[in-house]
Amino acid sequence: MILSEDRLQDLLAKSLAELPQDTGDFAVVLEGSIAEGFGNPSSDVDFLLIARGERETPTMPSLLFVDGRRVEIRTRSVRQLTDQFSTLRDRARHPGRVPEDLLNRCQRLLHSHPLRGHALVEEVKSLMPPGQFARIAADWWGHRARQSLRHAVALLCLGRNEEAVEWNRAGLLQTAKAWAAGHGETYLEPKWLSLQLDRAGRPGVRERYRRLQETAPAPGGDREAAHAHLTACLDFAAALGLTGVADRPGRLTVERAAGVTTWPAGDRVHVVRRRREVFALGDRAGAVWRSLVPGRPLPEALAAAAAATGGDPGPLLATFLRYGLIRLAWKGGGTVTPSLPLAAPPGPVTPPPSTARPLLSVRGAAVGGPDAVDLIPLPADRFAAATMALVWSNVVVENAVEDLTGALRRRQWPVAELTARRAVHAALRGLFSAHGVHPLPPDCDLVHRMDLLPPSTGAIRSRARELLARAVASPHDGDAVLEDLRSFVALVRDSAGADAFPASFDSAGAWRATLELGYDWLRVGVHLDATLPIEEARDLLSGHGLQPHRTG
């Protein structure tokens, strides 16, 4: 070790003196890189204090600075350590389910250097034989290497050459770590791998590993170079005993991801992830999504998507995979779940939310372009509620304009005045909904809450204020209000993406188009338990988009 026994004992005594509790009955070990025989002047000095009995000690370490060294002190009881090894033994049957921290804590204790209470230290170290732990660690690393290399095969098939090379390198490191662990070099931290390979006593393995890392294609390299590197990495992995992976992209199949559902509205495809997040797909992304057939081999899925779009769908399929909207499975080997040690937990990426404004329209969420896979900056239930409110507000506008026309014909001036205001408020509700505001302010507050919306809606605010203050006391007043109201509604709808909304009450066909539009969004809303604009809307769902007293 880089620190002598006397120096370690001195650091230990000074460190324990800074702790508030009595530590006289604790056994103490040094663990980590220094105990492994690695380390450097910047390495932490990691002490683990072991207490007899059942006590529950904190997981969080204390960090001290002693004689120019950073010292970390953890505490564990015998009962906690026993549980720790028991959990590892149970989970080891499925290497992919072994948490990295659990494996790391067990390894650090088993390879620790005793400083006090040697008998107790030997007692807890006997909880798992070193050979058994080495097999568990080798299987753990082997599982990760297999997943990384399968992922590299997939990325290369999708044309993501640079990304494939990075996963080649990850799989290469993990393969070498698996081999080293099988030879007793179980310390998890990857940065010491070169020293572990030196100590394992197989120069050929070390040199071949180093050469493959150094000859990885530089960024911007072509597919041939990336493929040659993958082939070399797979050959190396096979030579070290790794099984279950080969350069055969046809063994990869595209599969549904759990908790992911598809909701088309108009021409827009919306994908809901885990009932919480909504992704809106651009036209080309939507075409690729529609082409996917679960269970189809990845090369066939790629070809079908290319036929559907006339372009290269590889980047979009890679994005779907990255966001967890689809998954890949290896025939006979389950879902491909690549992960890196000492990194973020594996799982789907969540991109920054979309900045499109307005956010919603009656035909679907706004997107940034044909290849967009945009995350809507609203929880899924609020997204559904806002879109349903947007559609319903436009129905109310149509109804109010029709009522206003009738009231003017009958010279019902007070009725016309209130109906015009109702139409203005309904249009404003649609505008707020298009920007994702939900729940909505009360009608009488809408014009005063326009500061919630972008400055570009200032003209709408001014027009709304003017219309709400208008009186109707004559045919001239009525005609002017009706004309200005129609102009105002057109302005709002143009801003809110509802310019093509059907004239709901003009004809049976227009009403049918309105019902179809409402049905698309109602299905999403009910699935997500969103607030419905009116309870009667449930009847439209039960009738599969038909009126309750019609069959077709």
Protein backbone atom coordinates (compact mmCIF):
# COMPACT_ATOMS: atom_id res chain seq x y z
CA MET A 1 0.00 0.00 0.00
CA ILE A 2 1.10 3.59 -0.57
CA LEU A 3 0.58 4.37 3.16
CA SER A 4 2.43 2.56 5.93
CA GLU A 5 0.71 0.81 8.81
CA ASP A 6 1.92 3.47 11.24
CA ARG A 7 0.64 6.26 9.03
CA LEU A 8 -2.74 4.58 8.71
CA GLN A 9 -3.04 4.08 12.45
CA ASP A 10 -2.13 7.72 13.05
CA LEU A 11 -4.73 8.95 10.55
CA LEU A 12 -7.30 6.62 12.10
CA ALA A 13 -6.67 7.86 15.65
CA LYS A 14 -6.90 11.52 14.61
CA SER A 15 -10.05 10.86 12.57
CA LEU A 16 -11.85 9.00 15.36
CA ALA A 17 -11.03 11.82 17.75
CA GLU A 18 -13.19 14.13 15.63
CA LEU A 19 -16.26 11.88 15.82
CA PRO A 20 -18.89 12.65 18.46
CA GLN A 21 -19.66 9.05 19.48
CA ASP A 22 -17.53 6.53 21.35
CA THR A 23 -15.92 4.18 18.81
CA GLY A 24 -13.98 1.99 21.23
CA ASP A 25 -16.03 -1.15 20.53
CA PHE A 26 -15.84 -0.86 16.73
CA ALA A 27 -13.61 -2.94 14.51
CA VAL A 28 -12.01 -0.84 11.78
CA VAL A 29 -10.80 -1.63 8.27
CA LEU A 30 -9.25 0.40 5.48
CA GLU A 31 -11.10 -0.13 2.21
CA GLY A 32 -11.02 1.25 -1.31
CA SER A 33 -8.19 1.90 -3.76
CA ILE A 34 -5.43 2.26 -1.16
CA ALA A 35 -6.39 -1.03 0.46
CA GLU A 36 -6.31 -2.63 -3.01
CA GLY A 37 -2.70 -1.53 -3.48
CA PHE A 38 -3.64 1.19 -5.94
CA GLY A 39 -4.26 4.83 -5.10
CA ASN A 40 -2.21 8.01 -5.37
CA PRO A 41 -1.65 11.16 -3.28
CA SER A 42 -5.15 12.40 -4.18
CA SER A 43 -6.97 9.21 -3.16
CA ASP A 44 -9.37 9.25 -0.22
CA VAL A 45 -8.51 7.31 2.91
CA ASP A 46 -11.64 5.19 3.41
CA PHE A 47 -12.28 3.76 6.89
CA LEU A 48 -15.17 1.40 7.65
CA LEU A 49 -16.18 1.02 11.31
CA ILE A 50 -17.90 -2.29 12.11
CA ALA A 51 -20.13 -2.61 15.20
CA ARG A 52 -21.37 -5.82 16.75
CA GLY A 53 -25.08 -6.34 17.09
CA GLU A 54 -28.27 -5.22 15.37
CA ARG A 55 -27.92 -1.46 15.40
CA GLU A 56 -28.98 0.60 12.39
CA THR A 57 -26.10 2.82 11.39
CA PRO A 58 -26.36 5.64 8.82
CA THR A 59 -25.49 4.97 5.20
CA MET A 60 -24.06 8.42 4.56
CA PRO A 61 -20.32 8.74 5.32
CA SER A 62 -18.60 11.49 7.30
CA LEU A 63 -15.98 13.41 5.37
CA LEU A 64 -12.98 14.74 7.31
CA PHE A 65 -9.73 16.48 6.41
CA VAL A 66 -6.82 15.16 8.46
CA ASP A 67 -3.15 16.01 7.97
CA GLY A 68 -3.73 17.09 4.39
CA ARG A 69 -5.68 13.94 3.45
CA ARG A 70 -9.37 13.56 2.75
CA VAL A 71 -10.75 10.88 5.06
CA GLU A 72 -14.12 9.16 4.61
CA ILE A 73 -15.66 7.23 7.51
CA ARG A 74 -18.59 4.83 7.17
CA THR A 75 -20.24 2.66 9.80
CA ARG A 76 -22.00 -0.72 9.47
CA SER A 77 -23.28 -3.19 12.02
CA VAL A 78 -22.78 -6.94 11.75
CA ARG A 79 -26.49 -7.32 11.11
CA GLN A 80 -26.36 -4.78 8.26
CA LEU A 81 -23.36 -6.52 6.70
CA THR A 82 -25.05 -9.92 7.02
CA ASP A 83 -28.12 -8.56 5.26
CA GLN A 84 -25.90 -7.00 2.61
CA PHE A 85 -24.23 -10.29 1.67
CA SER A 86 -27.50 -12.20 1.89
CA THR A 87 -29.11 -9.79 -0.57
CA LEU A 88 -26.17 -10.10 -2.93
CA ARG A 89 -26.33 -13.91 -2.81
CA ASP A 90 -30.08 -13.85 -3.61
CA ARG A 91 -29.80 -11.38 -6.48
CA ALA A 92 -26.72 -12.92 -8.02
CA ARG A 93 -28.91 -15.47 -9.81
CA HIS A 94 -29.84 -12.58 -12.13
CA PRO A 95 -26.69 -10.45 -12.67
CA GLY A 96 -28.66 -7.65 -14.30
CA ARG A 97 -30.56 -7.13 -11.04
CA VAL A 98 -27.54 -6.71 -8.79
CA PRO A 99 -27.22 -3.02 -7.81
CA GLU A 100 -23.78 -1.61 -8.41
CA ASP A 101 -23.58 -0.05 -4.95
CA LEU A 102 -24.39 -3.38 -3.28
CA LEU A 103 -21.68 -5.19 -5.23
CA ASN A 104 -19.21 -2.40 -4.54
CA ARG A 105 -19.84 -2.36 -0.77
CA CYS A 106 -19.39 -6.12 -0.51
CA GLN A 107 -16.20 -6.05 -2.58
CA ARG A 108 -14.64 -3.25 -0.55
CA LEU A 109 -15.17 -5.13 2.70
CA LEU A 110 -13.89 -8.45 1.38
CA HIS A 111 -10.68 -6.81 0.09
CA SER A 112 -10.22 -4.46 3.06
CA HIS A 113 -7.16 -4.19 5.29
CA PRO A 114 -7.88 -4.71 9.04
CA LEU A 115 -6.71 -2.03 11.47
CA ARG A 116 -8.60 -2.86 14.69
CA GLY A 117 -10.72 -5.77 15.91
CA HIS A 118 -9.15 -8.36 13.64
CA ALA A 119 -11.35 -11.20 14.95
CA LEU A 120 -14.58 -9.35 14.14
CA VAL A 121 -13.20 -8.36 10.73
CA GLU A 122 -12.49 -12.00 9.88
CA GLU A 123 -15.98 -12.94 11.09
CA VAL A 124 -17.72 -10.55 8.68
CA LYS A 125 -15.36 -11.37 5.83
CA SER A 126 -16.36 -15.02 6.17
CA LEU A 127 -19.92 -14.10 5.18
CA MET A 128 -18.93 -14.81 1.56
CA PRO A 129 -15.94 -16.80 0.25
CA PRO A 130 -13.71 -14.75 -2.09
CA GLY A 131 -14.12 -17.29 -4.89
CA GLN A 132 -17.90 -17.01 -4.79
CA PHE A 133 -17.71 -13.23 -4.88
CA ALA A 134 -15.29 -13.34 -7.83
CA ARG A 135 -17.78 -15.43 -9.81
CA ILE A 136 -20.59 -13.01 -8.99
CA ALA A 137 -18.49 -10.01 -10.01
CA ALA A 138 -17.38 -11.71 -13.24
CA ASP A 139 -20.99 -12.53 -14.13
CA TRP A 140 -22.03 -8.96 -13.31
CA TRP A 141 -19.40 -7.47 -15.61
CA GLY A 142 -20.08 -10.11 -18.27
CA HIS A 143 -23.76 -9.23 -18.32
CA ARG A 144 -22.94 -5.57 -18.87
CA ALA A 145 -20.38 -6.34 -21.56
CA ARG A 146 -22.93 -8.48 -23.41
CA GLN A 147 -25.55 -5.71 -23.27
CA SER A 148 -23.12 -3.00 -24.40
CA LEU A 149 -21.89 -5.00 -27.38
CA ARG A 150 -25.44 -5.92 -28.43
CA HIS A 151 -26.28 -2.23 -28.24
CA ALA A 152 -23.26 -1.43 -30.40
CA VAL A 153 -24.50 -3.95 -33.00
CA ALA A 154 -27.87 -2.17 -33.00
CA LEU A 155 -26.39 1.31 -33.30
CA LEU A 156 -24.21 0.24 -36.21
CA CYS A 157 -27.28 -1.19 -37.96
CA LEU A 158 -29.02 2.17 -37.41
CA GLY A 159 -26.09 4.07 -38.92
CA ARG A 160 -25.02 5.65 -35.62
CA ASN A 161 -21.36 4.92 -36.21
CA GLU A 162 -19.75 7.19 -33.61
CA GLU A 163 -22.16 6.06 -30.92
CA ALA A 164 -21.51 2.43 -31.86
CA VAL A 165 -17.75 2.94 -31.39
CA GLU A 166 -18.31 4.38 -27.91
CA TRP A 167 -20.36 1.34 -26.94
CA ASN A 168 -17.71 -0.91 -28.52
CA ARG A 169 -15.24 0.64 -26.13
CA ALA A 170 -17.61 0.31 -23.19
CA GLY A 171 -18.19 -3.37 -23.98
CA LEU A 172 -14.45 -3.87 -24.40
CA LEU A 173 -13.74 -2.45 -20.93
CA GLN A 174 -16.54 -4.45 -19.36
CA THR A 175 -15.28 -7.65 -21.02
CA ALA A 176 -11.79 -7.06 -19.62
CA LYS A 177 -13.24 -6.32 -16.17
CA ALA A 178 -15.24 -9.56 -16.29
CA TRP A 179 -12.11 -11.53 -17.17
CA ALA A 180 -10.08 -9.76 -14.45
CA ALA A 181 -12.80 -10.41 -11.85
CA GLY A 182 -12.70 -14.10 -12.73
CA HIS A 183 -8.99 -13.97 -11.92
CA GLY A 184 -9.54 -12.38 -8.51
CA GLU A 185 -9.22 -8.71 -9.54
CA THR A 186 -12.69 -7.67 -8.40
CA TYR A 187 -12.24 -3.99 -7.52
CA LEU A 188 -15.04 -2.21 -9.41
CA GLU A 189 -13.60 1.22 -10.22
CA PRO A 190 -12.74 1.02 -13.96
CA LYS A 191 -9.84 3.49 -13.88
CA TRP A 192 -7.56 0.92 -12.24
CA LEU A 193 -8.15 -1.72 -14.93
CA SER A 194 -4.67 -1.41 -16.45
CA LEU A 195 -3.08 -2.17 -13.07
CA GLN A 196 -5.51 -5.04 -12.49
CA LEU A 197 -4.54 -6.57 -15.85
CA ASP A 198 -0.86 -6.16 -14.92
CA ARG A 199 -1.41 -8.06 -11.66
CA ALA A 200 -3.45 -10.78 -13.37
CA GLY A 201 -0.25 -11.89 -15.07
CA ARG A 202 -1.48 -12.26 -18.66
CA PRO A 203 0.45 -9.70 -20.75
CA GLY A 204 -1.26 -10.85 -23.94
CA VAL A 205 -4.69 -9.90 -22.60
CA ARG A 206 -3.43 -6.55 -21.38
CA GLU A 207 -1.73 -5.69 -24.67
CA ARG A 208 -4.66 -6.74 -26.83
CA TYR A 209 -7.05 -4.71 -24.68
CA ARG A 210 -4.79 -1.65 -24.83
CA ARG A 211 -4.40 -1.95 -28.60
CA LEU A 212 -8.17 -2.17 -29.17
CA GLN A 213 -8.77 0.91 -27.03
CA GLU A 214 -6.07 2.88 -28.80
CA THR A 215 -7.18 1.91 -32.31
CA ALA A 216 -10.86 2.83 -31.87
CA PRO A 217 -11.94 4.97 -34.86
CA ALA A 218 -11.83 8.71 -34.28
CA PRO A 219 -15.07 10.74 -34.34
CA GLY A 220 -16.33 11.21 -37.89
CA GLY A 221 -15.10 7.81 -39.03
CA ASP A 222 -17.07 5.80 -41.54
CA ARG A 223 -19.19 2.70 -41.03
CA GLU A 224 -16.48 0.33 -42.29
CA ALA A 225 -14.03 1.49 -39.62
CA ALA A 226 -16.68 1.25 -36.87
CA HIS A 227 -17.67 -2.22 -38.07
CA ALA A 228 -14.06 -3.42 -38.17
CA HIS A 229 -13.57 -2.21 -34.60
CA LEU A 230 -16.76 -3.95 -33.46
CA THR A 231 -15.61 -7.19 -35.10
CA ALA A 232 -12.25 -6.97 -33.32
CA CYS A 233 -13.95 -6.29 -29.97
CA LEU A 234 -16.29 -9.24 -30.43
CA ASP A 235 -13.35 -11.51 -31.30
CA PHE A 236 -11.54 -10.36 -28.16
CA ALA A 237 -14.66 -10.90 -26.03
CA ALA A 238 -15.10 -14.42 -27.42
CA ALA A 239 -11.45 -15.21 -26.70
CA LEU A 240 -12.00 -14.19 -23.05
CA GLY A 241 -15.06 -16.43 -22.78
CA LEU A 242 -17.92 -13.97 -23.26
CA THR A 243 -20.94 -15.62 -24.89
CA GLY A 244 -24.36 -14.48 -26.11
CA VAL A 245 -23.32 -11.75 -28.52
CA ALA A 246 -22.36 -11.74 -32.20
CA ASP A 247 -22.36 -9.41 -35.16
CA ARG A 248 -25.83 -10.49 -36.18
CA PRO A 249 -28.28 -7.53 -36.18
CA GLY A 250 -31.03 -9.88 -37.35
CA ARG A 251 -31.11 -11.32 -33.82
CA LEU A 252 -32.33 -7.94 -32.59
CA THR A 253 -36.07 -7.37 -32.70
CA VAL A 254 -38.05 -4.16 -32.22
CA GLU A 255 -40.51 -4.53 -29.34
CA ARG A 256 -43.13 -2.50 -27.52
CA ALA A 257 -41.89 -0.65 -24.45
CA ALA A 258 -43.90 -1.09 -21.25
CA GLY A 259 -46.16 1.83 -20.42
CA VAL A 260 -45.95 3.42 -23.90
CA THR A 261 -49.17 4.11 -25.81
CA THR A 262 -49.94 5.80 -29.14
CA TRP A 263 -52.64 8.45 -29.66
CA PRO A 264 -53.16 9.93 -33.14
CA ALA A 265 -55.14 13.15 -33.47
CA GLY A 266 -55.62 14.34 -37.01
CA ASP A 267 -52.29 13.76 -38.75
CA ARG A 268 -50.26 14.17 -35.56
CA VAL A 269 -48.98 11.14 -33.64
CA HIS A 270 -48.67 11.53 -29.87
CA VAL A 271 -46.82 8.95 -27.81
CA VAL A 272 -47.48 8.77 -24.07
CA ARG A 273 -44.76 7.37 -21.83
CA ARG A 274 -45.66 5.92 -18.42
CA ARG A 275 -48.95 7.87 -18.40
CA ARG A 276 -46.97 10.96 -17.41
CA GLU A 277 -45.12 12.32 -20.44
CA VAL A 278 -46.30 13.11 -23.97
CA PHE A 279 -44.09 13.19 -27.07
CA ALA A 280 -45.37 14.80 -30.25
CA LEU A 281 -43.94 13.43 -33.49
CA GLY A 282 -43.29 15.43 -36.65
CA ASP A 283 -44.65 14.15 -39.95
CA ARG A 284 -41.62 12.03 -40.87
CA ALA A 285 -41.16 10.79 -37.30
CA GLY A 286 -44.85 9.85 -37.24
CA ALA A 287 -44.51 7.90 -40.48
CA VAL A 288 -41.55 5.96 -39.06
CA TRP A 289 -43.52 5.27 -35.88
CA ARG A 290 -46.54 3.99 -37.81
CA SER A 291 -44.33 1.61 -39.81
CA LEU A 292 -43.10 -0.25 -36.74
CA VAL A 293 -44.35 -3.79 -36.17
CA PRO A 294 -43.53 -5.39 -32.79
CA GLY A 295 -41.39 -8.51 -33.09
CA ARG A 296 -39.91 -7.57 -36.46
CA PRO A 297 -36.11 -7.96 -36.78
CA LEU A 298 -34.31 -4.63 -36.65
CA PRO A 299 -32.97 -4.71 -40.26
CA GLU A 300 -36.50 -5.42 -41.54
CA ALA A 301 -37.97 -2.65 -39.37
CA LEU A 302 -35.36 -0.28 -40.75
CA ALA A 303 -36.21 -1.24 -44.33
CA ALA A 304 -39.96 -0.83 -43.76
CA ALA A 305 -39.45 2.60 -42.19
CA ALA A 306 -37.22 3.66 -45.10
CA ALA A 307 -39.94 2.60 -47.55
CA ALA A 308 -42.53 4.59 -45.60
CA THR A 309 -40.49 7.80 -45.54
CA GLY A 310 -38.20 7.60 -48.57
CA GLY A 311 -35.26 8.54 -46.37
CA ASP A 312 -32.92 7.22 -43.69
CA PRO A 313 -34.97 6.35 -40.60
CA GLY A 314 -31.97 5.24 -38.52
CA PRO A 315 -31.62 8.47 -36.50
CA LEU A 316 -35.33 8.48 -35.66
CA LEU A 317 -35.35 4.83 -34.58
CA ALA A 318 -32.29 5.57 -32.44
CA THR A 319 -34.16 8.48 -30.86
CA PHE A 320 -37.21 6.31 -30.12
CA LEU A 321 -34.88 3.80 -28.49
CA ARG A 322 -33.01 6.46 -26.51
CA TYR A 323 -36.27 7.92 -25.15
CA GLY A 324 -37.58 4.49 -24.16
CA LEU A 325 -40.49 4.62 -26.62
CA ILE A 326 -39.43 1.27 -28.08
CA ARG A 327 -37.06 -1.41 -26.86
CA LEU A 328 -34.78 -3.91 -28.54
CA ALA A 329 -34.63 -7.57 -27.61
CA TRP A 330 -31.95 -10.15 -28.44
CA LYS A 331 -33.51 -13.40 -29.56
CA GLY A 332 -33.17 -15.77 -26.64
CA GLY A 333 -31.50 -13.09 -24.52
CA GLY A 334 -34.21 -10.68 -23.41
CA THR A 335 -34.28 -6.89 -23.58
CA VAL A 336 -31.08 -5.07 -24.46
CA THR A 337 -30.31 -2.82 -21.45
CA PRO A 338 -26.87 -1.20 -21.83
CA SER A 339 -25.43 0.54 -18.78
CA LEU A 340 -22.12 1.95 -17.60
CA PRO A 341 -20.65 1.60 -14.10
CA LEU A 342 -20.32 4.70 -11.94
CA ALA A 343 -22.66 6.56 -14.29
CA ALA A 344 -26.29 7.61 -14.40
CA PRO A 345 -28.71 4.73 -13.78
CA PRO A 346 -29.79 2.99 -16.98
CA GLY A 347 -33.09 4.08 -18.36
CA PRO A 348 -34.73 6.21 -21.02
CA VAL A 349 -33.46 9.71 -21.68
CA THR A 350 -35.83 12.62 -21.11
CA PRO A 351 -35.05 15.51 -23.49
CA PRO A 352 -35.56 19.20 -22.71
CA PRO A 353 -39.22 20.16 -23.17
CA SER A 354 -40.47 21.69 -26.37
CA THR A 355 -40.40 25.48 -26.62
CA ALA A 356 -43.04 25.70 -29.37
CA ARG A 357 -45.74 28.33 -28.78
CA PRO A 358 -48.62 27.95 -28.84
CA LEU A 359 -48.15 24.47 -27.55
CA LEU A 360 -51.37 22.83 -28.70
CA SER A 361 -53.84 22.95 -31.55
CA VAL A 362 -57.06 21.08 -32.27
CA ARG A 363 -55.10 18.89 -34.71
CA GLY A 364 -52.33 18.01 -32.28
CA ALA A 365 -49.37 19.40 -30.41
CA ALA A 366 -46.98 21.77 -32.13
CA VAL A 367 -43.65 20.29 -33.23
CA GLY A 368 -40.30 21.69 -34.26
CA GLY A 369 -40.09 20.00 -37.66
CA PRO A 370 -40.75 16.78 -39.61
CA ASP A 371 -38.18 14.78 -37.61
CA ALA A 372 -39.28 16.14 -34.24
CA VAL A 373 -39.80 13.87 -31.26
CA ASP A 374 -40.74 16.69 -28.91
CA LEU A 375 -41.51 16.37 -25.22
CA ILE A 376 -44.61 18.38 -24.34
CA PRO A 377 -43.90 20.56 -21.27
CA LEU A 378 -47.10 19.45 -19.53
CA PRO A 379 -47.98 16.38 -17.47
CA ALA A 380 -49.92 13.96 -19.63
CA ASP A 381 -53.26 14.49 -17.85
CA ARG A 382 -52.98 18.28 -18.16
CA PHE A 383 -52.05 17.92 -21.82
CA ALA A 384 -55.19 15.88 -22.44
CA ALA A 385 -57.39 18.19 -20.37
CA ALA A 386 -56.06 21.29 -22.15
CA THR A 387 -56.64 19.83 -25.62
CA MET A 388 -60.16 18.74 -24.72
CA ALA A 389 -60.84 22.24 -23.35
CA LEU A 390 -59.43 23.69 -26.59
CA VAL A 391 -61.83 21.65 -28.72
CA TRP A 392 -64.78 22.34 -26.43
CA SER A 393 -64.11 26.09 -26.35
CA ASN A 394 -64.30 26.16 -30.13
CA VAL A 395 -67.61 24.28 -30.05
CA VAL A 396 -68.90 26.92 -27.61
CA VAL A 397 -67.66 29.69 -29.92
CA GLU A 398 -69.58 28.15 -32.83
CA ASN A 399 -72.69 27.81 -30.69
CA ALA A 400 -72.42 31.37 -29.36
CA VAL A 401 -72.00 32.86 -32.84
CA GLU A 402 -75.06 30.94 -34.02
CA ASP A 403 -77.05 32.16 -30.98
CA LEU A 404 -75.88 35.72 -31.58
CA THR A 405 -77.06 35.57 -35.19
CA GLY A 406 -80.48 34.36 -34.05
CA ALA A 407 -80.75 36.99 -31.33
CA LEU A 408 -79.93 39.78 -33.79
CA ARG A 409 -82.60 38.57 -36.20
CA ARG A 410 -85.16 38.71 -33.39
CA ARG A 411 -83.82 42.10 -32.19
CA GLN A 412 -83.10 40.62 -28.75
CA TRP A 413 -80.41 43.18 -27.92
CA PRO A 414 -79.63 42.15 -24.27
CA VAL A 415 -79.47 38.51 -25.35
CA ALA A 416 -77.16 39.42 -28.22
CA GLU A 417 -74.88 41.46 -25.95
CA LEU A 418 -74.42 38.64 -23.43
CA THR A 419 -74.01 36.03 -26.18
CA ALA A 420 -71.26 38.08 -27.84
CA ARG A 421 -69.41 38.22 -24.51
CA ARG A 422 -69.86 34.47 -24.14
CA ALA A 423 -68.23 33.96 -27.55
CA VAL A 424 -65.28 36.22 -26.61
CA HIS A 425 -64.74 34.34 -23.36
CA ALA A 426 -64.95 30.96 -25.13
CA ALA A 427 -62.40 32.08 -27.72
CA LEU A 428 -60.07 33.25 -24.95
CA ARG A 429 -60.48 29.90 -23.19
CA GLY A 430 -59.34 28.24 -26.39
CA LEU A 431 -56.31 30.54 -26.57
CA PHE A 432 -55.32 29.80 -22.98
CA SER A 433 -55.78 26.08 -23.57
CA ALA A 434 -53.60 26.20 -26.69
CA HIS A 435 -50.80 27.55 -24.48
CA GLY A 436 -51.28 24.73 -21.97
CA VAL A 437 -53.05 26.71 -19.24
CA HIS A 438 -55.19 24.34 -17.19
CA PRO A 439 -57.25 24.66 -15.06
CA LEU A 440 -58.47 27.86 -16.69
CA PRO A 441 -59.10 31.17 -14.93
CA PRO A 442 -62.76 32.18 -14.47
CA ASP A 443 -64.27 33.86 -17.53
CA CYS A 444 -64.36 37.28 -15.87
CA ASP A 445 -60.59 37.02 -15.19
CA LEU A 446 -59.49 35.80 -18.60
CA VAL A 447 -58.72 39.17 -20.14
CA HIS A 448 -56.85 40.18 -16.97
CA ARG A 449 -54.72 37.03 -17.01
CA MET A 450 -53.41 37.54 -20.54
CA ASP A 451 -50.05 38.31 -18.96
CA LEU A 452 -49.69 34.51 -18.62
CA LEU A 453 -49.41 34.31 -22.42
CA PRO A 454 -46.62 35.43 -24.75
CA PRO A 455 -46.38 39.15 -25.67
CA SER A 456 -47.42 38.25 -29.23
CA THR A 457 -51.02 37.87 -27.95
CA GLY A 458 -51.19 41.57 -27.05
CA ALA A 459 -53.38 42.44 -30.05
CA ILE A 460 -55.87 39.74 -29.04
CA ARG A 461 -56.03 41.18 -25.53
CA SER A 462 -56.80 44.64 -26.86
CA ARG A 463 -59.51 43.35 -29.20
CA ALA A 464 -61.04 41.26 -26.40
CA ARG A 465 -61.21 44.25 -24.04
CA GLU A 466 -62.91 46.33 -26.71
CA LEU A 467 -65.46 43.66 -27.62
CA LEU A 468 -66.35 42.89 -24.00
CA ALA A 469 -67.18 46.57 -23.48
CA ARG A 470 -69.43 46.84 -26.55
CA ALA A 471 -73.16 47.41 -26.14
CA VAL A 472 -75.81 46.14 -28.54
CA ALA A 473 -78.87 48.36 -28.79
CA SER A 474 -79.65 48.51 -32.49
CA PRO A 475 -79.31 46.58 -35.75
CA HIS A 476 -76.26 48.69 -36.58
CA ASP A 477 -74.63 47.80 -33.25
CA GLY A 478 -75.47 44.14 -33.75
CA ASP A 479 -74.09 43.90 -37.28
CA ALA A 480 -70.88 45.66 -36.22
CA VAL A 481 -70.43 43.39 -33.19
CA LEU A 482 -71.06 40.26 -35.27
CA GLU A 483 -68.56 41.33 -37.92
CA ASP A 484 -65.92 42.29 -35.34
CA LEU A 485 -66.56 39.11 -33.36
CA ARG A 486 -66.01 36.93 -36.43
CA SER A 487 -62.78 38.80 -37.13
CA PHE A 488 -61.72 38.36 -33.50
CA VAL A 489 -62.49 34.62 -33.54
CA ALA A 490 -60.48 34.22 -36.76
CA LEU A 491 -57.54 36.07 -35.14
CA VAL A 492 -57.66 33.87 -32.05
CA ARG A 493 -58.01 30.65 -34.03
CA ASP A 494 -55.16 31.57 -36.30
CA SER A 495 -53.00 32.14 -33.21
CA ALA A 496 -54.24 29.00 -31.44
CA GLY A 497 -54.00 26.54 -34.34
CA ALA A 498 -57.77 26.18 -34.72
CA ASP A 499 -58.20 28.02 -38.03
CA ALA A 500 -59.54 24.84 -39.68
CA PHE A 501 -62.11 24.13 -36.93
CA PRO A 502 -65.38 22.94 -38.46
CA ALA A 503 -68.42 25.26 -38.45
CA SER A 504 -70.01 22.81 -36.02
CA PHE A 505 -73.66 23.81 -36.38
CA ASP A 506 -73.82 24.64 -40.09
CA SER A 507 -74.59 21.09 -41.29
CA ALA A 508 -74.73 17.44 -40.31
CA GLY A 509 -71.34 16.91 -41.94
CA ALA A 510 -69.76 19.76 -39.96
CA TRP A 511 -71.19 18.39 -36.72
CA ARG A 512 -69.89 14.95 -37.59
CA ALA A 513 -66.42 16.41 -38.16
CA THR A 514 -66.65 18.14 -34.77
CA LEU A 515 -67.58 14.87 -33.06
CA GLU A 516 -64.68 13.05 -34.71
CA LEU A 517 -62.26 15.73 -33.57
CA GLY A 518 -63.61 15.62 -30.03
CA TYR A 519 -63.53 11.82 -29.97
CA ASP A 520 -59.79 11.73 -30.77
CA TRP A 521 -58.97 13.86 -27.75
CA LEU A 522 -61.61 12.32 -25.49
CA ARG A 523 -60.01 8.89 -25.85
CA VAL A 524 -56.68 10.30 -24.66
CA GLY A 525 -58.30 12.20 -21.80
CA VAL A 526 -60.26 9.25 -20.43
CA HIS A 527 -57.20 6.98 -20.69
CA LEU A 528 -55.22 9.49 -18.61
CA ASP A 529 -58.05 10.26 -16.16
CA ALA A 530 -58.01 13.90 -17.23
CA THR A 531 -60.76 16.34 -16.32
CA LEU A 532 -63.47 16.34 -19.01
CA PRO A 533 -64.89 19.70 -20.20
CA ILE A 534 -68.43 18.36 -19.73
CA GLU A 535 -69.51 15.02 -18.29
CA GLU A 536 -71.76 14.34 -21.30
CA ALA A 537 -68.60 13.78 -23.31
CA ARG A 538 -68.38 10.26 -21.85
CA ASP A 539 -71.38 9.30 -23.97
CA LEU A 540 -69.37 10.12 -27.07
CA LEU A 541 -66.69 7.69 -25.91
CA SER A 542 -69.14 4.89 -25.18
CA GLY A 543 -70.63 5.42 -28.64
CA HIS A 544 -67.19 5.21 -30.29
CA GLY A 545 -67.53 8.73 -31.66
CA LEU A 546 -71.22 8.46 -32.64
CA GLN A 547 -74.13 10.42 -31.19
CA PRO A 548 -76.03 8.32 -28.62
CA HIS A 549 -79.15 8.03 -30.75
CA ARG A 550 -77.40 7.28 -34.05
CA THR A 551 -75.77 4.06 -35.23
CA GLY A 552 -73.73 5.42 -38.11
